Amino acid sequence: MPPPAQDLPSGHSTRAETPVRSSVELGAVIREQRKRLALKQLDLAGLGNTGNRFIVDLENGKPTVQLQKVLDLMDLLGLEVVVRTKASRSASAP
Protein backbone atom coordinates (compact mmCIF):
# COMPACT_ATOMS: atom_id res chain seq x y z
CA MET A 1 0.00 0.00 0.00
CA PRO A 2 1.48 3.40 -0.96
CA PRO A 3 2.12 6.05 1.66
CA PRO A 4 -0.52 8.77 1.89
CA ALA A 5 0.24 11.77 -0.33
CA GLN A 6 0.85 13.98 2.70
CA ASP A 7 3.65 11.60 3.81
CA LEU A 8 5.63 12.06 0.60
CA PRO A 9 8.57 14.48 0.53
CA SER A 10 7.66 18.05 -0.29
CA GLY A 11 10.38 19.18 -2.66
CA HIS A 12 13.56 19.57 -0.65
CA SER A 13 16.18 16.86 -0.74
CA THR A 14 19.54 16.34 0.90
CA ARG A 15 20.81 14.36 -2.11
CA ALA A 16 23.47 15.72 -4.38
CA GLU A 17 22.40 17.45 -7.57
CA THR A 18 22.00 15.28 -10.65
CA PRO A 19 22.63 16.96 -14.00
CA VAL A 20 19.98 15.90 -16.51
CA ARG A 21 20.59 16.40 -20.22
CA SER A 22 18.00 14.12 -21.79
CA SER A 23 14.50 12.80 -21.28
CA VAL A 24 16.00 9.35 -20.68
CA GLU A 25 18.17 10.68 -17.83
CA LEU A 26 15.20 12.51 -16.29
CA GLY A 27 13.10 9.36 -16.48
CA ALA A 28 15.82 7.40 -14.70
CA VAL A 29 16.02 9.96 -11.87
CA ILE A 30 12.26 9.87 -11.43
CA ARG A 31 12.23 6.04 -11.47
CA GLU A 32 14.98 5.90 -8.82
CA GLN A 33 13.10 8.30 -6.54
CA ARG A 34 9.83 6.40 -6.99
CA LYS A 35 11.55 3.16 -6.02
CA ARG A 36 13.33 4.85 -3.11
CA LEU A 37 9.88 5.81 -1.82
CA ALA A 38 8.67 2.21 -2.30
CA LEU A 39 5.99 3.24 -4.79
CA LYS A 40 4.84 1.21 -7.75
CA GLN A 41 4.12 2.91 -11.06
CA LEU A 42 0.39 2.43 -10.45
CA ASP A 43 0.73 4.01 -7.00
CA LEU A 44 2.41 7.09 -8.45
CA ALA A 45 -0.16 7.32 -11.23
CA GLY A 46 -2.96 7.29 -8.68
CA LEU A 47 -1.30 9.81 -6.38
CA GLY A 48 -0.49 12.05 -9.34
CA ASN A 49 -3.97 11.75 -10.83
CA THR A 50 -2.59 10.52 -14.13
CA GLY A 51 -2.57 7.28 -16.07
CA ASN A 52 -0.08 4.47 -15.63
CA ARG A 53 0.88 4.81 -19.31
CA PHE A 54 2.12 8.35 -18.60
CA ILE A 55 4.37 7.07 -15.78
CA VAL A 56 5.75 4.31 -18.02
CA ASP A 57 6.43 6.76 -20.85
CA LEU A 58 8.05 9.28 -18.51
CA GLU A 59 10.35 6.72 -16.89
CA ASN A 60 11.31 5.37 -20.32
CA GLY A 61 12.37 8.83 -21.47
CA LYS A 62 9.61 9.61 -23.97
CA PRO A 63 10.55 13.13 -25.11
CA THR A 64 6.98 14.32 -25.77
CA VAL A 65 5.42 13.93 -22.32
CA GLN A 66 3.55 16.94 -20.94
CA LEU A 67 5.94 19.19 -19.05
CA GLN A 68 3.47 20.39 -16.40
CA LYS A 69 2.52 16.80 -15.55
CA VAL A 70 6.22 15.95 -15.20
CA LEU A 71 6.79 18.93 -12.90
CA ASP A 72 3.74 18.01 -10.82
CA LEU A 73 4.94 14.42 -10.41
CA MET A 74 8.45 15.57 -9.56
CA ASP A 75 7.03 17.82 -6.86
CA LEU A 76 4.98 14.92 -5.53
CA LEU A 77 8.16 12.81 -5.35
CA GLY A 78 10.12 15.56 -3.59
CA LEU A 79 12.17 16.50 -6.65
CA GLU A 80 12.61 19.90 -8.26
CA VAL A 81 14.07 21.40 -11.39
CA VAL A 82 16.86 23.96 -10.95
CA VAL A 83 18.05 25.80 -14.05
CA ARG A 84 21.57 27.21 -13.96
CA THR A 85 24.30 28.13 -16.36
CA LYS A 86 26.53 25.20 -17.28
CA ALA A 87 29.91 25.07 -15.62
CA SER A 88 32.84 25.62 -17.94
CA ARG A 89 34.02 22.35 -19.47
CA SER A 90 37.62 23.45 -19.42
CA ALA A 91 39.42 25.89 -17.15
CA SER A 92 41.61 26.93 -20.09
CA ALA A 93 38.70 27.70 -22.42
CA PRO A 94 38.63 31.35 -23.59
PDB file of N, CA and C in Angstrom:
ATOM      1  N   MET A   1       0.843  -1.183   0.000  1.00  0.00           N
ATOM      2  CA  MET A   1       0.000   0.000   0.000  1.00  0.00           C
ATOM      3  C   MET A   1       0.884   1.241   0.000  1.00  0.00           C
ATOM      4  N   PRO A   2       0.630   2.222  -0.886  1.00  0.00           N
ATOM      5  CA  PRO A   2       1.478   3.401  -0.963  1.00  0.00           C
ATOM      6  C   PRO A   2       1.277   4.308   0.238  1.00  0.00           C
ATOM      7  N   PRO A   3       2.299   5.111   0.567  1.00  0.00           N
ATOM      8  CA  PRO A   3       2.121   6.053   1.660  1.00  0.00           C
ATOM      9  C   PRO A   3       1.128   7.123   1.257  1.00  0.00           C
ATOM     10  N   PRO A   4       0.398   7.687   2.230  1.00  0.00           N
ATOM     11  CA  PRO A   4      -0.520   8.773   1.889  1.00  0.00           C
ATOM     12  C   PRO A   4       0.248   9.933   1.258  1.00  0.00           C
ATOM     13  N   ALA A   5      -0.420  10.674   0.384  1.00  0.00           N
ATOM     14  CA  ALA A   5       0.236  11.768  -0.334  1.00  0.00           C
ATOM     15  C   ALA A   5       0.888  12.748   0.623  1.00  0.00           C
ATOM     16  N   GLN A   6       0.272  13.013   1.777  1.00  0.00           N
ATOM     17  CA  GLN A   6       0.852  13.984   2.703  1.00  0.00           C
ATOM     18  C   GLN A   6       2.138  13.471   3.343  1.00  0.00           C
ATOM     19  N   ASP A   7       2.423  12.173   3.257  1.00  0.00           N
ATOM     20  CA  ASP A   7       3.645  11.604   3.815  1.00  0.00           C
ATOM     21  C   ASP A   7       4.812  11.620   2.839  1.00  0.00           C
ATOM     22  N   LEU A   8       4.562  12.005   1.589  1.00  0.00           N
ATOM     23  CA  LEU A   8       5.629  12.061   0.601  1.00  0.00           C
ATOM     24  C   LEU A   8       6.465  13.310   0.812  1.00  0.00           C
ATOM     25  N   PRO A   9       7.724  13.301   0.366  1.00  0.00           N
ATOM     26  CA  PRO A   9       8.568  14.482   0.528  1.00  0.00           C
ATOM     27  C   PRO A   9       7.965  15.678  -0.191  1.00  0.00           C
ATOM     28  N   SER A  10       8.299  16.869   0.268  1.00  0.00           N
ATOM     29  CA  SER A  10       7.659  18.055  -0.290  1.00  0.00           C
ATOM     30  C   SER A  10       8.594  18.927  -1.106  1.00  0.00           C
ATOM     31  N   GLY A  11       9.611  18.390  -1.726  1.00  0.00           N
ATOM     32  CA  GLY A  11      10.381  19.181  -2.665  1.00  0.00           C
ATOM     33  C   GLY A  11      11.816  19.441  -2.281  1.00  0.00           C
ATOM     34  N   HIS A  12      12.178  19.305  -1.028  1.00  0.00           N
ATOM     35  CA  HIS A  12      13.564  19.569  -0.649  1.00  0.00           C
ATOM     36  C   HIS A  12      14.257  18.254  -0.358  1.00  0.00           C
ATOM     37  N   SER A  13      15.456  18.109  -0.866  1.00  0.00           N
ATOM     38  CA  SER A  13      16.180  16.861  -0.737  1.00  0.00           C
ATOM     39  C   SER A  13      17.589  17.142  -0.253  1.00  0.00           C
ATOM     40  N   THR A  14      18.166  16.190   0.452  1.00  0.00           N
ATOM     41  CA  THR A  14      19.537  16.340   0.900  1.00  0.00           C
ATOM     42  C   THR A  14      20.498  15.649  -0.068  1.00  0.00           C
ATOM     43  N   ARG A  15      19.967  15.036  -1.126  1.00  0.00           N
ATOM     44  CA  ARG A  15      20.809  14.357  -2.106  1.00  0.00           C
ATOM     45  C   ARG A  15      21.594  15.356  -2.919  1.00  0.00           C
ATOM     46  N   ALA A  16      22.678  14.890  -3.490  1.00  0.00           N
ATOM     47  CA  ALA A  16      23.473  15.720  -4.382  1.00  0.00           C
ATOM     48  C   ALA A  16      22.679  16.021  -5.649  1.00  0.00           C
ATOM     49  N   GLU A  17      23.043  17.089  -6.304  1.00  0.00           N
ATOM     50  CA  GLU A  17      22.399  17.446  -7.565  1.00  0.00           C
ATOM     51  C   GLU A  17      22.738  16.418  -8.629  1.00  0.00           C
ATOM     52  N   THR A  18      21.810  16.200  -9.538  1.00  0.00           N
ATOM     53  CA  THR A  18      22.003  15.281 -10.647  1.00  0.00           C
ATOM     54  C   THR A  18      21.780  16.027 -11.950  1.00  0.00           C
ATOM     55  N   PRO A  19      22.837  16.306 -12.706  1.00  0.00           N
ATOM     56  CA  PRO A  19      22.634  16.962 -14.003  1.00  0.00           C
ATOM     57  C   PRO A  19      21.816  16.052 -14.925  1.00  0.00           C
ATOM     58  N   VAL A  20      20.841  16.635 -15.596  1.00  0.00           N
ATOM     59  CA  VAL A  20      19.981  15.896 -16.512  1.00  0.00           C
ATOM     60  C   VAL A  20      20.058  16.584 -17.861  1.00  0.00           C
ATOM     61  N   ARG A  21      20.428  15.823 -18.887  1.00  0.00           N
ATOM     62  CA  ARG A  21      20.586  16.398 -20.218  1.00  0.00           C
ATOM     63  C   ARG A  21      19.722  15.715 -21.266  1.00  0.00           C
ATOM     64  N   SER A  22      18.879  14.794 -20.834  1.00  0.00           N
ATOM     65  CA  SER A  22      18.002  14.122 -21.790  1.00  0.00           C
ATOM     66  C   SER A  22      16.755  13.620 -21.070  1.00  0.00           C
ATOM     67  N   SER A  23      15.738  13.337 -21.848  1.00  0.00           N
ATOM     68  CA  SER A  23      14.501  12.805 -21.275  1.00  0.00           C
ATOM     69  C   SER A  23      14.736  11.419 -20.666  1.00  0.00           C
ATOM     70  N   VAL A  24      15.667  10.677 -21.220  1.00  0.00           N
ATOM     71  CA  VAL A  24      15.995   9.350 -20.684  1.00  0.00           C
ATOM     72  C   VAL A  24      16.629   9.482 -19.291  1.00  0.00           C
ATOM     73  N   GLU A  25      17.536  10.453 -19.137  1.00  0.00           N
ATOM     74  CA  GLU A  25      18.167  10.675 -17.835  1.00  0.00           C
ATOM     75  C   GLU A  25      17.147  11.147 -16.801  1.00  0.00           C
ATOM     76  N   LEU A  26      16.231  12.035 -17.208  1.00  0.00           N
ATOM     77  CA  LEU A  26      15.197  12.511 -16.292  1.00  0.00           C
ATOM     78  C   LEU A  26      14.297  11.349 -15.862  1.00  0.00           C
ATOM     79  N   GLY A  27      13.924  10.515 -16.801  1.00  0.00           N
ATOM     80  CA  GLY A  27      13.098   9.355 -16.477  1.00  0.00           C
ATOM     81  C   GLY A  27      13.769   8.441 -15.471  1.00  0.00           C
ATOM     82  N   ALA A  28      15.076   8.265 -15.626  1.00  0.00           N
ATOM     83  CA  ALA A  28      15.817   7.397 -14.702  1.00  0.00           C
ATOM     84  C   ALA A  28      15.843   7.991 -13.291  1.00  0.00           C
ATOM     85  N   VAL A  29      16.016   9.297 -13.183  1.00  0.00           N
ATOM     86  CA  VAL A  29      16.024   9.957 -11.874  1.00  0.00           C
ATOM     87  C   VAL A  29      14.661   9.798 -11.206  1.00  0.00           C
ATOM     88  N   ILE A  30      13.607   9.996 -11.974  1.00  0.00           N
ATOM     89  CA  ILE A  30      12.256   9.866 -11.434  1.00  0.00           C
ATOM     90  C   ILE A  30      11.988   8.427 -11.009  1.00  0.00           C
ATOM     91  N   ARG A  31      12.408   7.455 -11.818  1.00  0.00           N
ATOM     92  CA  ARG A  31      12.226   6.040 -11.468  1.00  0.00           C
ATOM     93  C   ARG A  31      12.956   5.709 -10.162  1.00  0.00           C
ATOM     94  N   GLU A  32      14.201   6.170 -10.036  1.00  0.00           N
ATOM     95  CA  GLU A  32      14.980   5.900  -8.822  1.00  0.00           C
ATOM     96  C   GLU A  32      14.289   6.460  -7.587  1.00  0.00           C
ATOM     97  N   GLN A  33      13.778   7.681  -7.694  1.00  0.00           N
ATOM     98  CA  GLN A  33      13.105   8.296  -6.544  1.00  0.00           C
ATOM     99  C   GLN A  33      11.812   7.556  -6.211  1.00  0.00           C
ATOM    100  N   ARG A  34      11.059   7.163  -7.231  1.00  0.00           N
ATOM    101  CA  ARG A  34       9.827   6.403  -6.990  1.00  0.00           C
ATOM    102  C   ARG A  34      10.142   5.117  -6.243  1.00  0.00           C
ATOM    103  N   LYS A  35      11.166   4.420  -6.677  1.00  0.00           N
ATOM    104  CA  LYS A  35      11.551   3.162  -6.024  1.00  0.00           C
ATOM    105  C   LYS A  35      12.064   3.417  -4.612  1.00  0.00           C
ATOM    106  N   ARG A  36      12.814   4.499  -4.433  1.00  0.00           N
ATOM    107  CA  ARG A  36      13.329   4.854  -3.111  1.00  0.00           C
ATOM    108  C   ARG A  36      12.170   5.057  -2.133  1.00  0.00           C
ATOM    109  N   LEU A  37      11.052   5.575  -2.646  1.00  0.00           N
ATOM    110  CA  LEU A  37       9.876   5.813  -1.823  1.00  0.00           C
ATOM    111  C   LEU A  37       8.960   4.587  -1.744  1.00  0.00           C
ATOM    112  N   ALA A  38       9.408   3.481  -2.314  1.00  0.00           N
ATOM    113  CA  ALA A  38       8.666   2.212  -2.298  1.00  0.00           C
ATOM    114  C   ALA A  38       7.283   2.345  -2.935  1.00  0.00           C
ATOM    115  N   LEU A  39       7.231   3.087  -4.039  1.00  0.00           N
ATOM    116  CA  LEU A  39       5.986   3.240  -4.792  1.00  0.00           C
ATOM    117  C   LEU A  39       6.059   2.437  -6.076  1.00  0.00           C
ATOM    118  N   LYS A  40       4.942   1.854  -6.448  1.00  0.00           N
ATOM    119  CA  LYS A  40       4.836   1.208  -7.751  1.00  0.00           C
ATOM    120  C   LYS A  40       4.387   2.267  -8.751  1.00  0.00           C
ATOM    121  N   GLN A  41       4.556   1.973 -10.030  1.00  0.00           N
ATOM    122  CA  GLN A  41       4.122   2.914 -11.057  1.00  0.00           C
ATOM    123  C   GLN A  41       2.632   3.223 -10.915  1.00  0.00           C
ATOM    124  N   LEU A  42       1.826   2.212 -10.641  1.00  0.00           N
ATOM    125  CA  LEU A  42       0.386   2.428 -10.452  1.00  0.00           C
ATOM    126  C   LEU A  42       0.096   3.316  -9.245  1.00  0.00           C
ATOM    127  N   ASP A  43       0.892   3.159  -8.180  1.00  0.00           N
ATOM    128  CA  ASP A  43       0.727   4.010  -6.997  1.00  0.00           C
ATOM    129  C   ASP A  43       0.968   5.470  -7.367  1.00  0.00           C
ATOM    130  N   LEU A  44       2.066   5.720  -8.068  1.00  0.00           N
ATOM    131  CA  LEU A  44       2.411   7.089  -8.453  1.00  0.00           C
ATOM    132  C   LEU A  44       1.364   7.668  -9.394  1.00  0.00           C
ATOM    133  N   ALA A  45       0.881   6.859 -10.316  1.00  0.00           N
ATOM    134  CA  ALA A  45      -0.155   7.322 -11.234  1.00  0.00           C
ATOM    135  C   ALA A  45      -1.402   7.741 -10.461  1.00  0.00           C
ATOM    136  N   GLY A  46      -1.789   6.961  -9.488  1.00  0.00           N
ATOM    137  CA  GLY A  46      -2.958   7.294  -8.677  1.00  0.00           C
ATOM    138  C   GLY A  46      -2.752   8.546  -7.851  1.00  0.00           C
ATOM    139  N   LEU A  47      -1.601   8.634  -7.193  1.00  0.00           N
ATOM    140  CA  LEU A  47      -1.299   9.809  -6.379  1.00  0.00           C
ATOM    141  C   LEU A  47      -1.186  11.072  -7.220  1.00  0.00           C
ATOM    142  N   GLY A  48      -0.684  10.917  -8.448  1.00  0.00           N
ATOM    143  CA  GLY A  48      -0.493  12.050  -9.338  1.00  0.00           C
ATOM    144  C   GLY A  48      -1.688  12.338 -10.219  1.00  0.00           C
ATOM    145  N   ASN A  49      -2.749  11.566 -10.037  1.00  0.00           N
ATOM    146  CA  ASN A  49      -3.966  11.750 -10.827  1.00  0.00           C
ATOM    147  C   ASN A  49      -3.679  11.707 -12.330  1.00  0.00           C
ATOM    148  N   THR A  50      -2.910  10.712 -12.722  1.00  0.00           N
ATOM    149  CA  THR A  50      -2.586  10.517 -14.132  1.00  0.00           C
ATOM    150  C   THR A  50      -2.677   9.029 -14.451  1.00  0.00           C
ATOM    151  N   GLY A  51      -2.504   8.677 -15.689  1.00  0.00           N
ATOM    152  CA  GLY A  51      -2.569   7.278 -16.074  1.00  0.00           C
ATOM    153  C   GLY A  51      -1.240   6.568 -15.900  1.00  0.00           C
ATOM    154  N   ASN A  52      -1.306   5.261 -15.745  1.00  0.00           N
ATOM    155  CA  ASN A  52      -0.084   4.465 -15.628  1.00  0.00           C
ATOM    156  C   ASN A  52       0.774   4.583 -16.884  1.00  0.00           C
ATOM    157  N   ARG A  53       0.136   4.681 -18.048  1.00  0.00           N
ATOM    158  CA  ARG A  53       0.883   4.806 -19.310  1.00  0.00           C
ATOM    159  C   ARG A  53       1.783   6.036 -19.282  1.00  0.00           C
ATOM    160  N   PHE A  54       1.311   7.136 -18.698  1.00  0.00           N
ATOM    161  CA  PHE A  54       2.120   8.347 -18.601  1.00  0.00           C
ATOM    162  C   PHE A  54       3.374   8.082 -17.766  1.00  0.00           C
ATOM    163  N   ILE A  55       3.226   7.385 -16.653  1.00  0.00           N
ATOM    164  CA  ILE A  55       4.372   7.070 -15.785  1.00  0.00           C
ATOM    165  C   ILE A  55       5.369   6.194 -16.535  1.00  0.00           C
ATOM    166  N   VAL A  56       4.878   5.191 -17.238  1.00  0.00           N
ATOM    167  CA  VAL A  56       5.750   4.307 -18.017  1.00  0.00           C
ATOM    168  C   VAL A  56       6.500   5.106 -19.075  1.00  0.00           C
ATOM    169  N   ASP A  57       5.785   5.945 -19.807  1.00  0.00           N
ATOM    170  CA  ASP A  57       6.428   6.764 -20.849  1.00  0.00           C
ATOM    171  C   ASP A  57       7.466   7.704 -20.254  1.00  0.00           C
ATOM    172  N   LEU A  58       7.125   8.359 -19.166  1.00  0.00           N
ATOM    173  CA  LEU A  58       8.051   9.282 -18.507  1.00  0.00           C
ATOM    174  C   LEU A  58       9.326   8.565 -18.064  1.00  0.00           C
ATOM    175  N   GLU A  59       9.179   7.447 -17.385  1.00  0.00           N
ATOM    176  CA  GLU A  59      10.347   6.715 -16.893  1.00  0.00           C
ATOM    177  C   GLU A  59      11.180   6.123 -18.023  1.00  0.00           C
ATOM    178  N   ASN A  60      10.569   5.886 -19.167  1.00  0.00           N
ATOM    179  CA  ASN A  60      11.307   5.374 -20.325  1.00  0.00           C
ATOM    180  C   ASN A  60      11.911   6.477 -21.179  1.00  0.00           C
ATOM    181  N   GLY A  61      11.716   7.728 -20.772  1.00  0.00           N
ATOM    182  CA  GLY A  61      12.365   8.834 -21.466  1.00  0.00           C
ATOM    183  C   GLY A  61      11.645   9.330 -22.705  1.00  0.00           C
ATOM    184  N   LYS A  62      10.347   9.098 -22.811  1.00  0.00           N
ATOM    185  CA  LYS A  62       9.613   9.606 -23.972  1.00  0.00           C
ATOM    186  C   LYS A  62       9.747  11.131 -24.004  1.00  0.00           C
ATOM    187  N   PRO A  63      10.255  11.693 -25.087  1.00  0.00           N
ATOM    188  CA  PRO A  63      10.549  13.131 -25.113  1.00  0.00           C
ATOM    189  C   PRO A  63       9.329  14.040 -25.270  1.00  0.00           C
ATOM    190  N   THR A  64       8.153  13.478 -25.511  1.00  0.00           N
ATOM    191  CA  THR A  64       6.984  14.315 -25.771  1.00  0.00           C
ATOM    192  C   THR A  64       5.963  14.312 -24.633  1.00  0.00           C
ATOM    193  N   VAL A  65       6.361  13.896 -23.438  1.00  0.00           N
ATOM    194  CA  VAL A  65       5.418  13.933 -22.320  1.00  0.00           C
ATOM    195  C   VAL A  65       5.112  15.379 -21.949  1.00  0.00           C
ATOM    196  N   GLN A  66       3.979  15.595 -21.309  1.00  0.00           N
ATOM    197  CA  GLN A  66       3.553  16.945 -20.941  1.00  0.00           C
ATOM    198  C   GLN A  66       4.385  17.482 -19.786  1.00  0.00           C
ATOM    199  N   LEU A  67       5.014  18.621 -20.024  1.00  0.00           N
ATOM    200  CA  LEU A  67       5.937  19.193 -19.049  1.00  0.00           C
ATOM    201  C   LEU A  67       5.273  19.469 -17.701  1.00  0.00           C
ATOM    202  N   GLN A  68       4.099  20.064 -17.684  1.00  0.00           N
ATOM    203  CA  GLN A  68       3.473  20.388 -16.398  1.00  0.00           C
ATOM    204  C   GLN A  68       3.171  19.130 -15.593  1.00  0.00           C
ATOM    205  N   LYS A  69       2.758  18.064 -16.256  1.00  0.00           N
ATOM    206  CA  LYS A  69       2.522  16.797 -15.550  1.00  0.00           C
ATOM    207  C   LYS A  69       3.822  16.273 -14.954  1.00  0.00           C
ATOM    208  N   VAL A  70       4.913  16.393 -15.700  1.00  0.00           N
ATOM    209  CA  VAL A  70       6.223  15.951 -15.200  1.00  0.00           C
ATOM    210  C   VAL A  70       6.597  16.755 -13.963  1.00  0.00           C
ATOM    211  N   LEU A  71       6.450  18.075 -14.038  1.00  0.00           N
ATOM    212  CA  LEU A  71       6.793  18.932 -12.898  1.00  0.00           C
ATOM    213  C   LEU A  71       5.915  18.616 -11.688  1.00  0.00           C
ATOM    214  N   ASP A  72       4.639  18.364 -11.917  1.00  0.00           N
ATOM    215  CA  ASP A  72       3.739  18.006 -10.817  1.00  0.00           C
ATOM    216  C   ASP A  72       4.154  16.696 -10.155  1.00  0.00           C
ATOM    217  N   LEU A  73       4.508  15.704 -10.968  1.00  0.00           N
ATOM    218  CA  LEU A  73       4.944  14.416 -10.412  1.00  0.00           C
ATOM    219  C   LEU A  73       6.277  14.553  -9.685  1.00  0.00           C
ATOM    220  N   MET A  74       7.174  15.350 -10.234  1.00  0.00           N
ATOM    221  CA  MET A  74       8.453  15.569  -9.556  1.00  0.00           C
ATOM    222  C   MET A  74       8.224  16.204  -8.190  1.00  0.00           C
ATOM    223  N   ASP A  75       7.346  17.185  -8.124  1.00  0.00           N
ATOM    224  CA  ASP A  75       7.028  17.823  -6.855  1.00  0.00           C
ATOM    225  C   ASP A  75       6.460  16.796  -5.875  1.00  0.00           C
ATOM    226  N   LEU A  76       5.574  15.967  -6.346  1.00  0.00           N
ATOM    227  CA  LEU A  76       4.976  14.915  -5.527  1.00  0.00           C
ATOM    228  C   LEU A  76       6.041  13.975  -4.961  1.00  0.00           C
ATOM    229  N   LEU A  77       7.074  13.715  -5.761  1.00  0.00           N
ATOM    230  CA  LEU A  77       8.157  12.814  -5.350  1.00  0.00           C
ATOM    231  C   LEU A  77       9.249  13.524  -4.545  1.00  0.00           C
ATOM    232  N   GLY A  78       9.107  14.827  -4.351  1.00  0.00           N
ATOM    233  CA  GLY A  78      10.116  15.562  -3.589  1.00  0.00           C
ATOM    234  C   GLY A  78      11.304  15.970  -4.433  1.00  0.00           C
ATOM    235  N   LEU A  79      11.108  16.075  -5.737  1.00  0.00           N
ATOM    236  CA  LEU A  79      12.171  16.495  -6.654  1.00  0.00           C
ATOM    237  C   LEU A  79      11.835  17.874  -7.207  1.00  0.00           C
ATOM    238  N   GLU A  80      12.842  18.598  -7.641  1.00  0.00           N
ATOM    239  CA  GLU A  80      12.607  19.897  -8.257  1.00  0.00           C
ATOM    240  C   GLU A  80      13.595  20.137  -9.379  1.00  0.00           C
ATOM    241  N   VAL A  81      13.214  21.010 -10.274  1.00  0.00           N
ATOM    242  CA  VAL A  81      14.073  21.402 -11.388  1.00  0.00           C
ATOM    243  C   VAL A  81      14.772  22.691 -10.994  1.00  0.00           C
ATOM    244  N   VAL A  82      16.077  22.744 -11.176  1.00  0.00           N
ATOM    245  CA  VAL A  82      16.856  23.959 -10.949  1.00  0.00           C
ATOM    246  C   VAL A  82      17.605  24.247 -12.238  1.00  0.00           C
ATOM    247  N   VAL A  83      17.384  25.426 -12.806  1.00  0.00           N
ATOM    248  CA  VAL A  83      18.052  25.795 -14.050  1.00  0.00           C
ATOM    249  C   VAL A  83      19.207  26.718 -13.700  1.00  0.00           C
ATOM    250  N   ARG A  84      20.383  26.379 -14.198  1.00  0.00           N
ATOM    251  CA  ARG A  84      21.566  27.206 -13.956  1.00  0.00           C
ATOM    252  C   ARG A  84      22.458  27.162 -15.175  1.00  0.00           C
ATOM    253  N   THR A  85      23.345  28.104 -15.268  1.00  0.00           N
ATOM    254  CA  THR A  85      24.299  28.132 -16.363  1.00  0.00           C
ATOM    255  C   THR A  85      25.266  26.975 -16.205  1.00  0.00           C
ATOM    256  N   LYS A  86      25.589  26.315 -17.320  1.00  0.00           N
ATOM    257  CA  LYS A  86      26.528  25.202 -17.276  1.00  0.00           C
ATOM    258  C   LYS A  86      27.888  25.673 -16.797  1.00  0.00           C
ATOM    259  N   ALA A  87      28.540  24.798 -16.041  1.00  0.00           N
ATOM    260  CA  ALA A  87      29.914  25.074 -15.616  1.00  0.00           C
ATOM    261  C   ALA A  87      30.811  24.937 -16.844  1.00  0.00           C
ATOM    262  N   SER A  88      31.895  25.685 -16.833  1.00  0.00           N
ATOM    263  CA  SER A  88      32.845  25.616 -17.944  1.00  0.00           C
ATOM    264  C   SER A  88      33.398  24.209 -18.052  1.00  0.00           C
ATOM    265  N   ARG A  89      33.494  23.707 -19.267  1.00  0.00           N
ATOM    266  CA  ARG A  89      34.017  22.349 -19.467  1.00  0.00           C
ATOM    267  C   ARG A  89      35.531  22.292 -19.350  1.00  0.00           C
ATOM    268  N   SER A  90      36.168  23.422 -19.516  1.00  0.00           N
ATOM    269  CA  SER A  90      37.619  23.449 -19.423  1.00  0.00           C
ATOM    270  C   SER A  90      38.065  24.765 -18.801  1.00  0.00           C
ATOM    271  N   ALA A  91      38.935  24.674 -17.824  1.00  0.00           N
ATOM    272  CA  ALA A  91      39.420  25.886 -17.152  1.00  0.00           C
ATOM    273  C   ALA A  91      40.225  26.746 -18.109  1.00  0.00           C
ATOM    274  N   SER A  92      40.772  26.167 -19.166  1.00  0.00           N
ATOM    275  CA  SER A  92      41.609  26.934 -20.086  1.00  0.00           C
ATOM    276  C   SER A  92      40.812  27.455 -21.282  1.00  0.00           C
ATOM    277  N   ALA A  93      39.511  27.219 -21.298  1.00  0.00           N
ATOM    278  CA  ALA A  93      38.697  27.705 -22.424  1.00  0.00           C
ATOM    279  C   ALA A  93      38.623  29.234 -22.392  1.00  0.00           C
ATOM    280  N   PRO A  94      38.659  29.877 -23.565  1.00  0.00           N
ATOM    281  CA  PRO A  94      38.633  31.349 -23.591  1.00  0.00           C
ATOM    282  C   PRO A  94      37.325  31.918 -23.117  1.00  0.00           C
TER     283      PRO A  94
END
